Amino acid sequence: MRFEVAADIRAMFSVSDRKNAEENLQFTFQKYARSTPQLSAWMEGNLVEGFTIFDFPLEYQRTIRATNNLE
C-alpha cells in the first residue's frame, strides 16, 4: 500500500494549480477514509500546508518544491 499512497500524494503535487490539488486531496481522502482512517486524517491535516507551493509563479515552483536546492 505504501507505493499506492506515495503515487497518490505525488499526483496531488503534479497538477497545475491549487484547486486541482485540493480536489485530488478530497478524492484521495475519501479513498482511504474507510480502510485507513488515520492515514486519511493525516493527509487532510498535513498535505494542505504543502499546497502553498501553488501560490508562487509557475517558473519558481519546480525550484522551491524540493528541499534539495542543488537540483
PDB file of N, CA and C in Angstrom:
ATOM      1  N   MET A   1       0.818  -1.190   0.000  1.00  0.00           N
ATOM      2  CA  MET A   1       0.000   0.000   0.000  1.00  0.00           C
ATOM      3  C   MET A   1       0.870   1.267   0.000  1.00  0.00           C
ATOM      4  N   ARG A   2       2.092   1.139   0.437  1.00  0.00           N
ATOM      5  CA  ARG A   2       2.999   2.281   0.517  1.00  0.00           C
ATOM      6  C   ARG A   2       3.206   2.945  -0.840  1.00  0.00           C
ATOM      7  N   PHE A   3       3.389   2.137  -1.881  1.00  0.00           N
ATOM      8  CA  PHE A   3       3.641   2.688  -3.219  1.00  0.00           C
ATOM      9  C   PHE A   3       2.399   3.378  -3.778  1.00  0.00           C
ATOM     10  N   GLU A   4       1.230   2.821  -3.485  1.00  0.00           N
ATOM     11  CA  GLU A   4      -0.018   3.417  -3.947  1.00  0.00           C
ATOM     12  C   GLU A   4      -0.241   4.779  -3.280  1.00  0.00           C
ATOM     13  N   VAL A   5      -0.003   4.854  -1.979  1.00  0.00           N
ATOM     14  CA  VAL A   5      -0.167   6.117  -1.247  1.00  0.00           C
ATOM     15  C   VAL A   5       0.835   7.148  -1.758  1.00  0.00           C
ATOM     16  N   ALA A   6       2.081   6.730  -1.953  1.00  0.00           N
ATOM     17  CA  ALA A   6       3.105   7.648  -2.463  1.00  0.00           C
ATOM     18  C   ALA A   6       2.722   8.179  -3.843  1.00  0.00           C
ATOM     19  N   ALA A   7       2.184   7.317  -4.688  1.00  0.00           N
ATOM     20  CA  ALA A   7       1.766   7.744  -6.026  1.00  0.00           C
ATOM     21  C   ALA A   7       0.608   8.735  -5.942  1.00  0.00           C
ATOM     22  N   ASP A   8      -0.320   8.504  -5.017  1.00  0.00           N
ATOM     23  CA  ASP A   8      -1.447   9.423  -4.852  1.00  0.00           C
ATOM     24  C   ASP A   8      -0.976  10.799  -4.370  1.00  0.00           C
ATOM     25  N   ILE A   9      -0.029  10.813  -3.441  1.00  0.00           N
ATOM     26  CA  ILE A   9       0.492  12.084  -2.944  1.00  0.00           C
ATOM     27  C   ILE A   9       1.269  12.800  -4.040  1.00  0.00           C
ATOM     28  N   ARG A  10       2.067  12.060  -4.791  1.00  0.00           N
ATOM     29  CA  ARG A  10       2.812  12.661  -5.905  1.00  0.00           C
ATOM     30  C   ARG A  10       1.861  13.283  -6.922  1.00  0.00           C
ATOM     31  N   ALA A  11       0.750  12.602  -7.168  1.00  0.00           N
ATOM     32  CA  ALA A  11      -0.232  13.105  -8.130  1.00  0.00           C
ATOM     33  C   ALA A  11      -0.834  14.437  -7.676  1.00  0.00           C
ATOM     34  N   MET A  12      -0.989  14.614  -6.365  1.00  0.00           N
ATOM     35  CA  MET A  12      -1.534  15.879  -5.852  1.00  0.00           C
ATOM     36  C   MET A  12      -0.626  17.051  -6.188  1.00  0.00           C
ATOM     37  N   PHE A  13       0.671  16.827  -6.127  1.00  0.00           N
ATOM     38  CA  PHE A  13       1.618  17.905  -6.352  1.00  0.00           C
ATOM     39  C   PHE A  13       2.049  18.015  -7.818  1.00  0.00           C
ATOM     40  N   SER A  14       1.546  17.144  -8.657  1.00  0.00           N
ATOM     41  CA  SER A  14       1.892  17.180 -10.084  1.00  0.00           C
ATOM     42  C   SER A  14       0.891  17.959 -10.920  1.00  0.00           C
ATOM     43  N   VAL A  15      -0.162  18.425 -10.301  1.00  0.00           N
ATOM     44  CA  VAL A  15      -1.173  19.180 -11.039  1.00  0.00           C
ATOM     45  C   VAL A  15      -0.721  20.623 -11.221  1.00  0.00           C
ATOM     46  N   SER A  16      -1.463  21.376 -11.987  1.00  0.00           N
ATOM     47  CA  SER A  16      -1.025  22.716 -12.360  1.00  0.00           C
ATOM     48  C   SER A  16      -1.433  23.822 -11.391  1.00  0.00           C
ATOM     49  N   ASP A  17      -2.453  23.591 -10.567  1.00  0.00           N
ATOM     50  CA  ASP A  17      -2.884  24.656  -9.662  1.00  0.00           C
ATOM     51  C   ASP A  17      -3.434  24.097  -8.351  1.00  0.00           C
ATOM     52  N   ARG A  18      -3.636  24.988  -7.413  1.00  0.00           N
ATOM     53  CA  ARG A  18      -4.064  24.605  -6.064  1.00  0.00           C
ATOM     54  C   ARG A  18      -5.467  23.983  -6.064  1.00  0.00           C
ATOM     55  N   LYS A  19      -6.349  24.506  -6.881  1.00  0.00           N
ATOM     56  CA  LYS A  19      -7.722  23.989  -6.918  1.00  0.00           C
ATOM     57  C   LYS A  19      -7.730  22.502  -7.285  1.00  0.00           C
ATOM     58  N   ASN A  20      -6.992  22.139  -8.307  1.00  0.00           N
ATOM     59  CA  ASN A  20      -6.927  20.737  -8.707  1.00  0.00           C
ATOM     60  C   ASN A  20      -6.255  19.880  -7.632  1.00  0.00           C
ATOM     61  N   ALA A  21      -5.259  20.426  -6.962  1.00  0.00           N
ATOM     62  CA  ALA A  21      -4.585  19.690  -5.897  1.00  0.00           C
ATOM     63  C   ALA A  21      -5.544  19.426  -4.738  1.00  0.00           C
ATOM     64  N   GLU A  22      -6.352  20.414  -4.385  1.00  0.00           N
ATOM     65  CA  GLU A  22      -7.311  20.233  -3.293  1.00  0.00           C
ATOM     66  C   GLU A  22      -8.412  19.244  -3.676  1.00  0.00           C
ATOM     67  N   GLU A  23      -8.848  19.271  -4.931  1.00  0.00           N
ATOM     68  CA  GLU A  23      -9.829  18.291  -5.398  1.00  0.00           C
ATOM     69  C   GLU A  23      -9.242  16.880  -5.343  1.00  0.00           C
ATOM     70  N   ASN A  24      -7.998  16.773  -5.753  1.00  0.00           N
ATOM     71  CA  ASN A  24      -7.313  15.487  -5.711  1.00  0.00           C
ATOM     72  C   ASN A  24      -7.159  15.001  -4.272  1.00  0.00           C
ATOM     73  N   LEU A  25      -6.880  15.918  -3.346  1.00  0.00           N
ATOM     74  CA  LEU A  25      -6.772  15.567  -1.934  1.00  0.00           C
ATOM     75  C   LEU A  25      -8.098  15.034  -1.404  1.00  0.00           C
ATOM     76  N   GLN A  26      -9.190  15.687  -1.748  1.00  0.00           N
ATOM     77  CA  GLN A  26     -10.503  15.223  -1.286  1.00  0.00           C
ATOM     78  C   GLN A  26     -10.826  13.829  -1.814  1.00  0.00           C
ATOM     79  N   PHE A  27     -10.506  13.600  -3.076  1.00  0.00           N
ATOM     80  CA  PHE A  27     -10.732  12.276  -3.656  1.00  0.00           C
ATOM     81  C   PHE A  27      -9.897  11.226  -2.929  1.00  0.00           C
ATOM     82  N   THR A  28      -8.630  11.540  -2.694  1.00  0.00           N
ATOM     83  CA  THR A  28      -7.725  10.603  -2.022  1.00  0.00           C
ATOM     84  C   THR A  28      -8.132  10.415  -0.573  1.00  0.00           C
ATOM     85  N   PHE A  29      -8.558  11.479   0.086  1.00  0.00           N
ATOM     86  CA  PHE A  29      -9.034  11.396   1.457  1.00  0.00           C
ATOM     87  C   PHE A  29     -10.195  10.413   1.562  1.00  0.00           C
ATOM     88  N   GLN A  30     -11.139  10.523   0.662  1.00  0.00           N
ATOM     89  CA  GLN A  30     -12.291   9.619   0.661  1.00  0.00           C
ATOM     90  C   GLN A  30     -11.891   8.191   0.312  1.00  0.00           C
ATOM     91  N   LYS A  31     -10.901   8.053  -0.541  1.00  0.00           N
ATOM     92  CA  LYS A  31     -10.426   6.736  -0.953  1.00  0.00           C
ATOM     93  C   LYS A  31      -9.893   5.935   0.237  1.00  0.00           C
ATOM     94  N   TYR A  32      -9.185   6.602   1.136  1.00  0.00           N
ATOM     95  CA  TYR A  32      -8.568   5.923   2.270  1.00  0.00           C
ATOM     96  C   TYR A  32      -9.349   6.059   3.576  1.00  0.00           C
ATOM     97  N   ALA A  33     -10.460   6.762   3.574  1.00  0.00           N
ATOM     98  CA  ALA A  33     -11.213   7.015   4.803  1.00  0.00           C
ATOM     99  C   ALA A  33     -11.682   5.728   5.482  1.00  0.00           C
ATOM    100  N   ARG A  34     -12.101   4.766   4.724  1.00  0.00           N
ATOM    101  CA  ARG A  34     -12.587   3.510   5.323  1.00  0.00           C
ATOM    102  C   ARG A  34     -11.471   2.559   5.703  1.00  0.00           C
ATOM    103  N   SER A  35     -10.543   2.358   4.798  1.00  0.00           N
ATOM    104  CA  SER A  35      -9.511   1.347   5.026  1.00  0.00           C
ATOM    105  C   SER A  35      -8.440   1.804   6.013  1.00  0.00           C
ATOM    106  N   THR A  36      -8.056   3.062   5.955  1.00  0.00           N
ATOM    107  CA  THR A  36      -7.015   3.587   6.846  1.00  0.00           C
ATOM    108  C   THR A  36      -7.411   4.984   7.316  1.00  0.00           C
ATOM    109  N   PRO A  37      -8.287   5.066   8.303  1.00  0.00           N
ATOM    110  CA  PRO A  37      -8.767   6.385   8.746  1.00  0.00           C
ATOM    111  C   PRO A  37      -7.665   7.279   9.309  1.00  0.00           C
ATOM    112  N   GLN A  38      -6.646   6.706   9.938  1.00  0.00           N
ATOM    113  CA  GLN A  38      -5.557   7.530  10.467  1.00  0.00           C
ATOM    114  C   GLN A  38      -4.772   8.191   9.332  1.00  0.00           C
ATOM    115  N   LEU A  39      -4.540   7.445   8.268  1.00  0.00           N
ATOM    116  CA  LEU A  39      -3.834   7.993   7.113  1.00  0.00           C
ATOM    117  C   LEU A  39      -4.637   9.112   6.473  1.00  0.00           C
ATOM    118  N   SER A  40      -5.918   8.901   6.282  1.00  0.00           N
ATOM    119  CA  SER A  40      -6.736   9.940   5.643  1.00  0.00           C
ATOM    120  C   SER A  40      -6.815  11.185   6.515  1.00  0.00           C
ATOM    121  N   ALA A  41      -6.881  11.018   7.826  1.00  0.00           N
ATOM    122  CA  ALA A  41      -6.894  12.178   8.725  1.00  0.00           C
ATOM    123  C   ALA A  41      -5.560  12.914   8.647  1.00  0.00           C
ATOM    124  N   TRP A  42      -4.461  12.175   8.576  1.00  0.00           N
ATOM    125  CA  TRP A  42      -3.143  12.804   8.443  1.00  0.00           C
ATOM    126  C   TRP A  42      -3.054  13.577   7.138  1.00  0.00           C
ATOM    127  N   MET A  43      -3.532  12.975   6.053  1.00  0.00           N
ATOM    128  CA  MET A  43      -3.496  13.653   4.756  1.00  0.00           C
ATOM    129  C   MET A  43      -4.256  14.961   4.798  1.00  0.00           C
ATOM    130  N   GLU A  44      -5.454  14.910   5.335  1.00  0.00           N
ATOM    131  CA  GLU A  44      -6.292  16.103   5.364  1.00  0.00           C
ATOM    132  C   GLU A  44      -5.676  17.193   6.241  1.00  0.00           C
ATOM    133  N   GLY A  45      -5.026  16.798   7.312  1.00  0.00           N
ATOM    134  CA  GLY A  45      -4.455  17.778   8.221  1.00  0.00           C
ATOM    135  C   GLY A  45      -3.112  18.333   7.801  1.00  0.00           C
ATOM    136  N   ASN A  46      -2.330  17.577   7.044  1.00  0.00           N
ATOM    137  CA  ASN A  46      -0.954  17.979   6.777  1.00  0.00           C
ATOM    138  C   ASN A  46      -0.625  18.324   5.332  1.00  0.00           C
ATOM    139  N   LEU A  47      -1.252  17.698   4.390  1.00  0.00           N
ATOM    140  CA  LEU A  47      -0.874  17.931   2.991  1.00  0.00           C
ATOM    141  C   LEU A  47      -1.285  19.300   2.473  1.00  0.00           C
ATOM    142  N   VAL A  48      -2.305  19.878   3.076  1.00  0.00           N
ATOM    143  CA  VAL A  48      -2.771  21.204   2.634  1.00  0.00           C
ATOM    144  C   VAL A  48      -1.658  22.243   2.789  1.00  0.00           C
ATOM    145  N   GLU A  49      -0.830  22.092   3.814  1.00  0.00           N
ATOM    146  CA  GLU A  49       0.278  23.029   4.013  1.00  0.00           C
ATOM    147  C   GLU A  49       1.234  23.016   2.821  1.00  0.00           C
ATOM    148  N   GLY A  50       1.418  21.866   2.213  1.00  0.00           N
ATOM    149  CA  GLY A  50       2.310  21.755   1.070  1.00  0.00           C
ATOM    150  C   GLY A  50       1.768  22.425  -0.181  1.00  0.00           C
ATOM    151  N   PHE A  51       0.476  22.695  -0.204  1.00  0.00           N
ATOM    152  CA  PHE A  51      -0.135  23.328  -1.373  1.00  0.00           C
ATOM    153  C   PHE A  51       0.230  24.808  -1.479  1.00  0.00           C
ATOM    154  N   THR A  52       0.960  25.326  -0.512  1.00  0.00           N
ATOM    155  CA  THR A  52       1.431  26.706  -0.568  1.00  0.00           C
ATOM    156  C   THR A  52       2.305  26.921  -1.796  1.00  0.00           C
ATOM    157  N   ILE A  53       2.911  25.879  -2.266  1.00  0.00           N
ATOM    158  CA  ILE A  53       3.777  25.948  -3.448  1.00  0.00           C
ATOM    159  C   ILE A  53       3.029  26.526  -4.651  1.00  0.00           C
ATOM    160  N   PHE A  54       1.724  26.288  -4.714  1.00  0.00           N
ATOM    161  CA  PHE A  54       0.931  26.754  -5.851  1.00  0.00           C
ATOM    162  C   PHE A  54       0.665  28.260  -5.804  1.00  0.00           C
ATOM    163  N   ASP A  55       1.011  28.913  -4.687  1.00  0.00           N
ATOM    164  CA  ASP A  55       0.852  30.360  -4.590  1.00  0.00           C
ATOM    165  C   ASP A  55       1.971  31.115  -5.298  1.00  0.00           C
ATOM    166  N   PHE A  56       3.052  30.421  -5.635  1.00  0.00           N
ATOM    167  CA  PHE A  56       4.196  31.030  -6.302  1.00  0.00           C
ATOM    168  C   PHE A  56       4.030  30.919  -7.823  1.00  0.00           C
ATOM    169  N   PRO A  57       4.689  31.796  -8.560  1.00  0.00           N
ATOM    170  CA  PRO A  57       4.641  31.705 -10.027  1.00  0.00           C
ATOM    171  C   PRO A  57       5.168  30.351 -10.510  1.00  0.00           C
ATOM    172  N   LEU A  58       4.648  29.893 -11.600  1.00  0.00           N
ATOM    173  CA  LEU A  58       4.971  28.567 -12.132  1.00  0.00           C
ATOM    174  C   LEU A  58       6.467  28.354 -12.351  1.00  0.00           C
ATOM    175  N   GLU A  59       7.168  29.377 -12.796  1.00  0.00           N
ATOM    176  CA  GLU A  59       8.598  29.197 -13.081  1.00  0.00           C
ATOM    177  C   GLU A  59       9.421  28.960 -11.811  1.00  0.00           C
ATOM    178  N   TYR A  60       8.893  29.331 -10.637  1.00  0.00           N
ATOM    179  CA  TYR A  60       9.617  29.105  -9.381  1.00  0.00           C
ATOM    180  C   TYR A  60       9.208  27.829  -8.664  1.00  0.00           C
ATOM    181  N   GLN A  61       8.069  27.288  -9.002  1.00  0.00           N
ATOM    182  CA  GLN A  61       7.545  26.132  -8.276  1.00  0.00           C
ATOM    183  C   GLN A  61       8.490  24.937  -8.310  1.00  0.00           C
ATOM    184  N   ARG A  62       9.056  24.651  -9.443  1.00  0.00           N
ATOM    185  CA  ARG A  62       9.924  23.487  -9.554  1.00  0.00           C
ATOM    186  C   ARG A  62      11.179  23.651  -8.700  1.00  0.00           C
ATOM    187  N   THR A  63      11.683  24.855  -8.636  1.00  0.00           N
ATOM    188  CA  THR A  63      12.895  25.119  -7.885  1.00  0.00           C
ATOM    189  C   THR A  63      12.677  24.986  -6.389  1.00  0.00           C
ATOM    190  N   ILE A  64      11.571  25.517  -5.883  1.00  0.00           N
ATOM    191  CA  ILE A  64      11.382  25.564  -4.434  1.00  0.00           C
ATOM    192  C   ILE A  64      10.579  24.415  -3.863  1.00  0.00           C
ATOM    193  N   ARG A  65      10.009  23.557  -4.679  1.00  0.00           N
ATOM    194  CA  ARG A  65       9.210  22.471  -4.114  1.00  0.00           C
ATOM    195  C   ARG A  65      10.071  21.344  -3.551  1.00  0.00           C
ATOM    196  N   ALA A  66      11.309  21.256  -3.961  1.00  0.00           N
ATOM    197  CA  ALA A  66      12.205  20.238  -3.427  1.00  0.00           C
ATOM    198  C   ALA A  66      13.037  20.834  -2.298  1.00  0.00           C
ATOM    199  N   THR A  67      13.429  20.005  -1.365  1.00  0.00           N
ATOM    200  CA  THR A  67      14.245  20.500  -0.260  1.00  0.00           C
ATOM    201  C   THR A  67      15.715  20.578  -0.640  1.00  0.00           C
ATOM    202  N   ASN A  68      16.089  19.973  -1.750  1.00  0.00           N
ATOM    203  CA  ASN A  68      17.467  19.995  -2.182  1.00  0.00           C
ATOM    204  C   ASN A  68      17.664  21.159  -3.154  1.00  0.00           C
ATOM    205  N   ASN A  69      18.243  22.228  -2.691  1.00  0.00           N
ATOM    206  CA  ASN A  69      18.420  23.419  -3.533  1.00  0.00           C
ATOM    207  C   ASN A  69      19.507  23.244  -4.594  1.00  0.00           C
ATOM    208  N   LEU A  70      20.243  22.175  -4.555  1.00  0.00           N
ATOM    209  CA  LEU A  70      21.290  21.959  -5.541  1.00  0.00           C
ATOM    210  C   LEU A  70      20.766  21.351  -6.833  1.00  0.00           C
ATOM    211  N   GLU A  71      19.492  20.988  -6.857  1.00  0.00           N
ATOM    212  CA  GLU A  71      18.931  20.342  -8.041  1.00  0.00           C
ATOM    213  C   GLU A  71      19.006  21.228  -9.198  1.00  0.00           C
TER     214      GLU A  71
END
